[in-house]
Structures are given as structure tokens and as C-alpha cells.
Amino acid sequence: QVQLVESGGGLVQAGGSLRLSCATSGFIFSINAMGWYRQAPGKQRELVARISKAGSTNYADSVKGRFTISRDNAKNTVYLQMNSLEPEDTAVYYCKKEAGTTWGTWGAYWGQGTQVTVSS
């Protein structure tokens, strides 16, 4: 059974930092790409950052230079370090196992989300 459990969200002032964690189980973490997405009230869910199994990363333009995605294959965990937070970063943040096309990577799965609120 695939499980993704986010943690680390909370309330922070503008300019502050948070580190989100996503602990996973039920699949071979090391061979799967992972992503962080967010959804603000009244808006569509959007990609924040993605990391491949090899560690290659890509980011939404709005977070480049401020957010860093990383992974620890020994702990089956993906992280999102968020610095210089802005009120516009307020959203529910979701961890996602990306769907792949090779053995052990099939299927996309989501965590339950963690709320990040940035006050001005």
C-alpha cells in the first residue's frame, strides 16, 4: 500500500523559512521521481518542484532561487526547503509520487497535504 505523509507546514512570517518532509512507503522510492505541488484557495493545483530518481531538479519560475527540493533514498523521504517565503506562497502543499513507464514506477500517488501560511 503506497503511503505519502507530509509534515512541516505551519504559519510563518514573510521572509521566513520552512522545511517540508514527505515520508513514503509501499513502493521503491529510489527509482521514482517525486514532486511537490501546491494549491491555493480558488486556484488550480500547480507544480512547485520535481526531482528525478537521479537527483535532477526543476522548479516553477515563482520559486526558483528560494525553494530547494531534495531526497534521501535511505529514508524514503523527499524534502522541500522553502526560504524567503512570501504571502503568495500560502497554500496546501502536496507530495506526489510521479507516474513512470518502467517497472516499479507505475501509478501516481498523492499525500494528504500540509498547510503553509505566510503572513505579511
C-alpha atoms as a PDB file:
ATOM      1  CA  GLN A   1       0.000   0.000   0.000  1.00  0.00           C
ATOM      2  CA  VAL A   2       1.513   3.268  -1.129  1.00  0.00           C
ATOM      3  CA  GLN A   3       1.604   5.988   1.509  1.00  0.00           C
ATOM      4  CA  LEU A   4       2.928   9.538   1.415  1.00  0.00           C
ATOM      5  CA  VAL A   5       2.806  11.585   4.608  1.00  0.00           C
ATOM      6  CA  GLU A   6       3.714  15.259   4.562  1.00  0.00           C
ATOM      7  CA  SER A   7       4.829  17.250   7.572  1.00  0.00           C
ATOM      8  CA  GLY A   8       6.472  20.546   8.396  1.00  0.00           C
ATOM      9  CA  GLY A   9       3.822  23.008   7.364  1.00  0.00           C
ATOM     10  CA  GLY A  10       2.707  25.877   9.553  1.00  0.00           C
ATOM     11  CA  LEU A  11       2.416  29.620   9.975  1.00  0.00           C
ATOM     12  CA  VAL A  12       5.450  31.776   9.228  1.00  0.00           C
ATOM     13  CA  GLN A  13       6.107  35.446   8.659  1.00  0.00           C
ATOM     14  CA  ALA A  14       7.126  36.756   5.263  1.00  0.00           C
ATOM     15  CA  GLY A  15      10.832  36.277   4.751  1.00  0.00           C
ATOM     16  CA  GLY A  16      10.916  33.204   6.943  1.00  0.00           C
ATOM     17  CA  SER A  17      11.669  29.591   6.141  1.00  0.00           C
ATOM     18  CA  LEU A  18      10.026  26.199   6.431  1.00  0.00           C
ATOM     19  CA  ARG A  19      11.142  22.697   5.576  1.00  0.00           C
ATOM     20  CA  LEU A  20       8.541  20.241   4.389  1.00  0.00           C
ATOM     21  CA  SER A  21       9.093  16.498   4.579  1.00  0.00           C
ATOM     22  CA  CYS A  22       7.294  13.678   2.816  1.00  0.00           C
ATOM     23  CA  ALA A  23       7.836  10.225   4.263  1.00  0.00           C
ATOM     24  CA  THR A  24       6.907   7.435   1.889  1.00  0.00           C
ATOM     25  CA  SER A  25       6.316   3.704   1.952  1.00  0.00           C
ATOM     26  CA  GLY A  26       4.859   0.959  -0.181  1.00  0.00           C
ATOM     27  CA  PHE A  27       6.976   1.454  -3.291  1.00  0.00           C
ATOM     28  CA  ILE A  28      10.618   1.516  -4.347  1.00  0.00           C
ATOM     29  CA  PHE A  29      11.388   5.134  -3.551  1.00  0.00           C
ATOM     30  CA  SER A  30      14.849   5.259  -5.112  1.00  0.00           C
ATOM     31  CA  ILE A  31      13.633   4.555  -8.652  1.00  0.00           C
ATOM     32  CA  ASN A  32      10.745   7.002  -8.649  1.00  0.00           C
ATOM     33  CA  ALA A  33      10.567  10.674  -9.467  1.00  0.00           C
ATOM     34  CA  MET A  34       8.925  12.787  -6.788  1.00  0.00           C
ATOM     35  CA  GLY A  35       7.258  16.155  -6.794  1.00  0.00           C
ATOM     36  CA  TRP A  36       5.891  18.912  -4.596  1.00  0.00           C
ATOM     37  CA  TYR A  37       2.731  20.693  -5.686  1.00  0.00           C
ATOM     38  CA  ARG A  38       0.595  23.364  -4.079  1.00  0.00           C
ATOM     39  CA  GLN A  39      -2.967  24.588  -4.243  1.00  0.00           C
ATOM     40  CA  ALA A  40      -4.056  27.991  -3.035  1.00  0.00           C
ATOM     41  CA  PRO A  41      -7.715  28.773  -2.328  1.00  0.00           C
ATOM     42  CA  GLY A  42      -9.633  29.239  -5.553  1.00  0.00           C
ATOM     43  CA  LYS A  43      -6.697  28.205  -7.704  1.00  0.00           C
ATOM     44  CA  GLN A  44      -5.635  25.064  -9.521  1.00  0.00           C
ATOM     45  CA  ARG A  45      -3.009  22.773  -8.116  1.00  0.00           C
ATOM     46  CA  GLU A  46       0.391  23.653  -9.558  1.00  0.00           C
ATOM     47  CA  LEU A  47       3.821  22.094  -9.714  1.00  0.00           C
ATOM     48  CA  VAL A  48       6.335  23.625  -7.324  1.00  0.00           C
ATOM     49  CA  ALA A  49       9.354  21.355  -7.799  1.00  0.00           C
ATOM     50  CA  ARG A  50      10.232  17.919  -9.100  1.00  0.00           C
ATOM     51  CA  ILE A  51      13.208  15.649  -8.559  1.00  0.00           C
ATOM     52  CA  SER A  52      14.131  12.676 -10.701  1.00  0.00           C
ATOM     53  CA  LYS A  53      15.438   9.362  -9.411  1.00  0.00           C
ATOM     54  CA  ALA A  54      18.904  10.573 -10.359  1.00  0.00           C
ATOM     55  CA  GLY A  55      18.511  13.843  -8.481  1.00  0.00           C
ATOM     56  CA  SER A  56      17.842  16.203 -11.378  1.00  0.00           C
ATOM     57  CA  THR A  57      15.523  19.007 -10.359  1.00  0.00           C
ATOM     58  CA  ASN A  58      13.190  21.515 -11.913  1.00  0.00           C
ATOM     59  CA  TYR A  59      11.221  24.347 -10.351  1.00  0.00           C
ATOM     60  CA  ALA A  60       8.331  26.648 -11.024  1.00  0.00           C
ATOM     61  CA  ASP A  61       9.587  30.086 -12.021  1.00  0.00           C
ATOM     62  CA  SER A  62       7.895  31.618  -8.988  1.00  0.00           C
ATOM     63  CA  VAL A  63      10.048  29.646  -6.535  1.00  0.00           C
ATOM     64  CA  LYS A  64      13.398  29.430  -8.333  1.00  0.00           C
ATOM     65  CA  GLY A  65      16.219  30.582  -6.106  1.00  0.00           C
ATOM     66  CA  ARG A  66      14.056  30.348  -2.980  1.00  0.00           C
ATOM     67  CA  PHE A  67      12.973  26.689  -2.761  1.00  0.00           C
ATOM     68  CA  THR A  68      15.099  23.559  -2.896  1.00  0.00           C
ATOM     69  CA  ILE A  69      13.832  20.024  -3.392  1.00  0.00           C
ATOM     70  CA  SER A  70      15.962  17.114  -2.241  1.00  0.00           C
ATOM     71  CA  ARG A  71      15.646  13.431  -1.499  1.00  0.00           C
ATOM     72  CA  ASP A  72      17.103  10.920   0.917  1.00  0.00           C
ATOM     73  CA  ASN A  73      16.789   7.454  -0.588  1.00  0.00           C
ATOM     74  CA  ALA A  74      17.962   5.803   2.646  1.00  0.00           C
ATOM     75  CA  LYS A  75      14.996   7.345   4.470  1.00  0.00           C
ATOM     76  CA  ASN A  76      12.486   7.131   1.590  1.00  0.00           C
ATOM     77  CA  THR A  77      11.832  10.816   2.117  1.00  0.00           C
ATOM     78  CA  VAL A  78      11.639  13.879  -0.093  1.00  0.00           C
ATOM     79  CA  TYR A  79      12.078  17.398   1.248  1.00  0.00           C
ATOM     80  CA  LEU A  80      11.198  20.933   0.223  1.00  0.00           C
ATOM     81  CA  GLN A  81      13.286  23.671   1.805  1.00  0.00           C
ATOM     82  CA  MET A  82      11.434  26.961   1.443  1.00  0.00           C
ATOM     83  CA  ASN A  83      13.292  30.207   2.093  1.00  0.00           C
ATOM     84  CA  SER A  84      12.328  33.869   1.685  1.00  0.00           C
ATOM     85  CA  LEU A  85       8.683  32.918   1.931  1.00  0.00           C
ATOM     86  CA  GLU A  86       6.101  35.317   0.551  1.00  0.00           C
ATOM     87  CA  PRO A  87       2.370  35.630   1.285  1.00  0.00           C
ATOM     88  CA  GLU A  88       1.792  34.355  -2.256  1.00  0.00           C
ATOM     89  CA  ASP A  89       3.317  31.022  -1.186  1.00  0.00           C
ATOM     90  CA  THR A  90       0.340  30.383   1.094  1.00  0.00           C
ATOM     91  CA  ALA A  91      -1.260  27.116   0.012  1.00  0.00           C
ATOM     92  CA  VAL A  92      -1.742  23.478   0.820  1.00  0.00           C
ATOM     93  CA  TYR A  93       1.419  21.664  -0.252  1.00  0.00           C
ATOM     94  CA  TYR A  94       1.180  18.130  -1.581  1.00  0.00           C
ATOM     95  CA  CYS A  95       3.800  15.491  -2.123  1.00  0.00           C
ATOM     96  CA  LYS A  96       3.400  13.294  -5.184  1.00  0.00           C
ATOM     97  CA  LYS A  97       4.935  10.111  -6.447  1.00  0.00           C
ATOM     98  CA  GLU A  98       5.165  10.761 -10.163  1.00  0.00           C
ATOM     99  CA  ALA A  99       3.926   8.134 -12.571  1.00  0.00           C
ATOM    100  CA  GLY A 100       6.605   6.425 -14.631  1.00  0.00           C
ATOM    101  CA  THR A 101       6.688   3.977 -17.500  1.00  0.00           C
ATOM    102  CA  THR A 102       9.090   1.352 -16.241  1.00  0.00           C
ATOM    103  CA  TRP A 103       8.706  -1.476 -13.753  1.00  0.00           C
ATOM    104  CA  GLY A 104       8.245  -0.238 -10.208  1.00  0.00           C
ATOM    105  CA  THR A 105       7.295   3.305 -11.210  1.00  0.00           C
ATOM    106  CA  TRP A 106       3.731   2.897 -12.384  1.00  0.00           C
ATOM    107  CA  GLY A 107       0.981   4.964 -10.891  1.00  0.00           C
ATOM    108  CA  ALA A 108       0.767   8.454  -9.473  1.00  0.00           C
ATOM    109  CA  TYR A 109       0.024   8.876  -5.781  1.00  0.00           C
ATOM    110  CA  TRP A 110      -0.628  11.913  -3.586  1.00  0.00           C
ATOM    111  CA  GLY A 111      -0.146  12.709   0.042  1.00  0.00           C
ATOM    112  CA  GLN A 112      -2.857  14.330   2.128  1.00  0.00           C
ATOM    113  CA  GLY A 113      -1.252  17.776   2.058  1.00  0.00           C
ATOM    114  CA  THR A 114       0.155  20.173   4.622  1.00  0.00           C
ATOM    115  CA  GLN A 115      -0.911  23.782   5.078  1.00  0.00           C
ATOM    116  CA  VAL A 116       1.627  26.565   4.683  1.00  0.00           C
ATOM    117  CA  THR A 117       0.509  30.051   5.647  1.00  0.00           C
ATOM    118  CA  VAL A 118       2.765  33.063   5.178  1.00  0.00           C
ATOM    119  CA  SER A 119       1.722  36.256   6.938  1.00  0.00           C
ATOM    120  CA  SER A 120       2.705  39.693   5.710  1.00  0.00           C
END
